[in-house]
Protein backbone atom coordinates (compact mmCIF):
# COMPACT_ATOMS: atom_id res chain seq x y z
CA MET A 1 0.00 0.00 0.00
CA ILE A 2 2.82 2.39 0.80
CA ARG A 3 3.99 2.02 -2.80
CA LEU A 4 0.72 3.52 -4.01
CA LEU A 5 0.71 6.58 -1.73
CA PHE A 6 2.33 8.68 -4.43
CA LEU A 7 -0.89 8.28 -6.43
CA ILE A 8 -2.96 10.21 -3.86
CA PRO A 9 -1.70 13.69 -4.77
CA ILE A 10 -1.65 12.87 -8.48
CA LEU A 11 -5.28 11.71 -8.48
CA LEU A 12 -6.46 14.56 -6.26
CA CYS A 13 -4.68 17.17 -8.38
CA ALA A 14 -6.07 15.62 -11.56
CA GLY A 15 -9.58 15.71 -10.08
CA TRP A 16 -9.14 19.31 -8.98
CA PHE A 17 -7.83 20.24 -12.44
CA TRP A 18 -10.83 18.55 -14.05
CA PHE A 19 -13.20 20.38 -11.67
CA LEU A 20 -11.63 23.74 -12.47
CA ARG A 21 -11.76 23.13 -16.22
CA SER A 22 -15.34 21.86 -16.20
CA ASN A 23 -16.52 24.94 -14.29
CA HIS A 24 -14.45 27.37 -16.40
CA ILE A 25 -12.39 28.54 -13.42
CA PRO A 26 -8.88 29.74 -14.29
CA LEU A 27 -5.96 27.81 -12.84
CA LYS A 28 -4.69 30.93 -11.12
CA LYS A 29 -7.85 31.05 -8.99
CA GLY A 30 -7.61 27.34 -8.20
CA ARG A 31 -3.97 27.45 -7.16
CA ARG A 32 -4.84 27.41 -3.46
CA GLY A 33 -6.64 24.10 -3.94
CA PHE A 34 -3.49 22.54 -5.35
CA ILE A 35 -1.54 23.83 -2.35
CA TYR A 36 -4.11 22.32 0.04
CA ILE A 37 -3.99 18.99 -1.79
CA LEU A 38 -0.20 18.84 -1.69
CA THR A 39 -0.10 19.85 1.98
CA PHE A 40 -2.69 17.24 2.93
CA SER A 41 -0.87 14.57 0.94
CA THR A 42 2.43 15.47 2.62
CA PHE A 43 0.88 15.04 6.06
CA VAL A 44 -0.69 11.70 5.09
CA LEU A 45 2.61 10.44 3.73
CA ALA A 46 4.49 11.65 6.82
CA PHE A 47 1.95 9.97 9.11
CA PHE A 48 2.26 6.63 7.33
CA ALA A 49 6.06 6.89 7.27
CA LEU A 50 6.05 7.58 11.00
CA MET A 51 3.73 4.63 11.66
CA ILE A 52 5.98 2.31 9.66
CA TYR A 53 9.00 3.57 11.59
CA VAL A 54 7.26 3.16 14.95
CA THR A 55 5.92 -0.33 14.28
CA LYS A 56 9.17 -1.74 12.87
CA LYS A 57 11.03 -1.25 16.14
């Protein structure tokens, strides 16, 4: 499962991009959404990395 975690931000960003395009919203206005997605994904990845580190000891 950890191998597939890199797909989370890619899929979320692709979905956000599709949403912006389908509603005719410029990418400049939707930039904050990309930042939120990447921040959230970073925290999820860090959490799982921490849990793997904690449980391996």
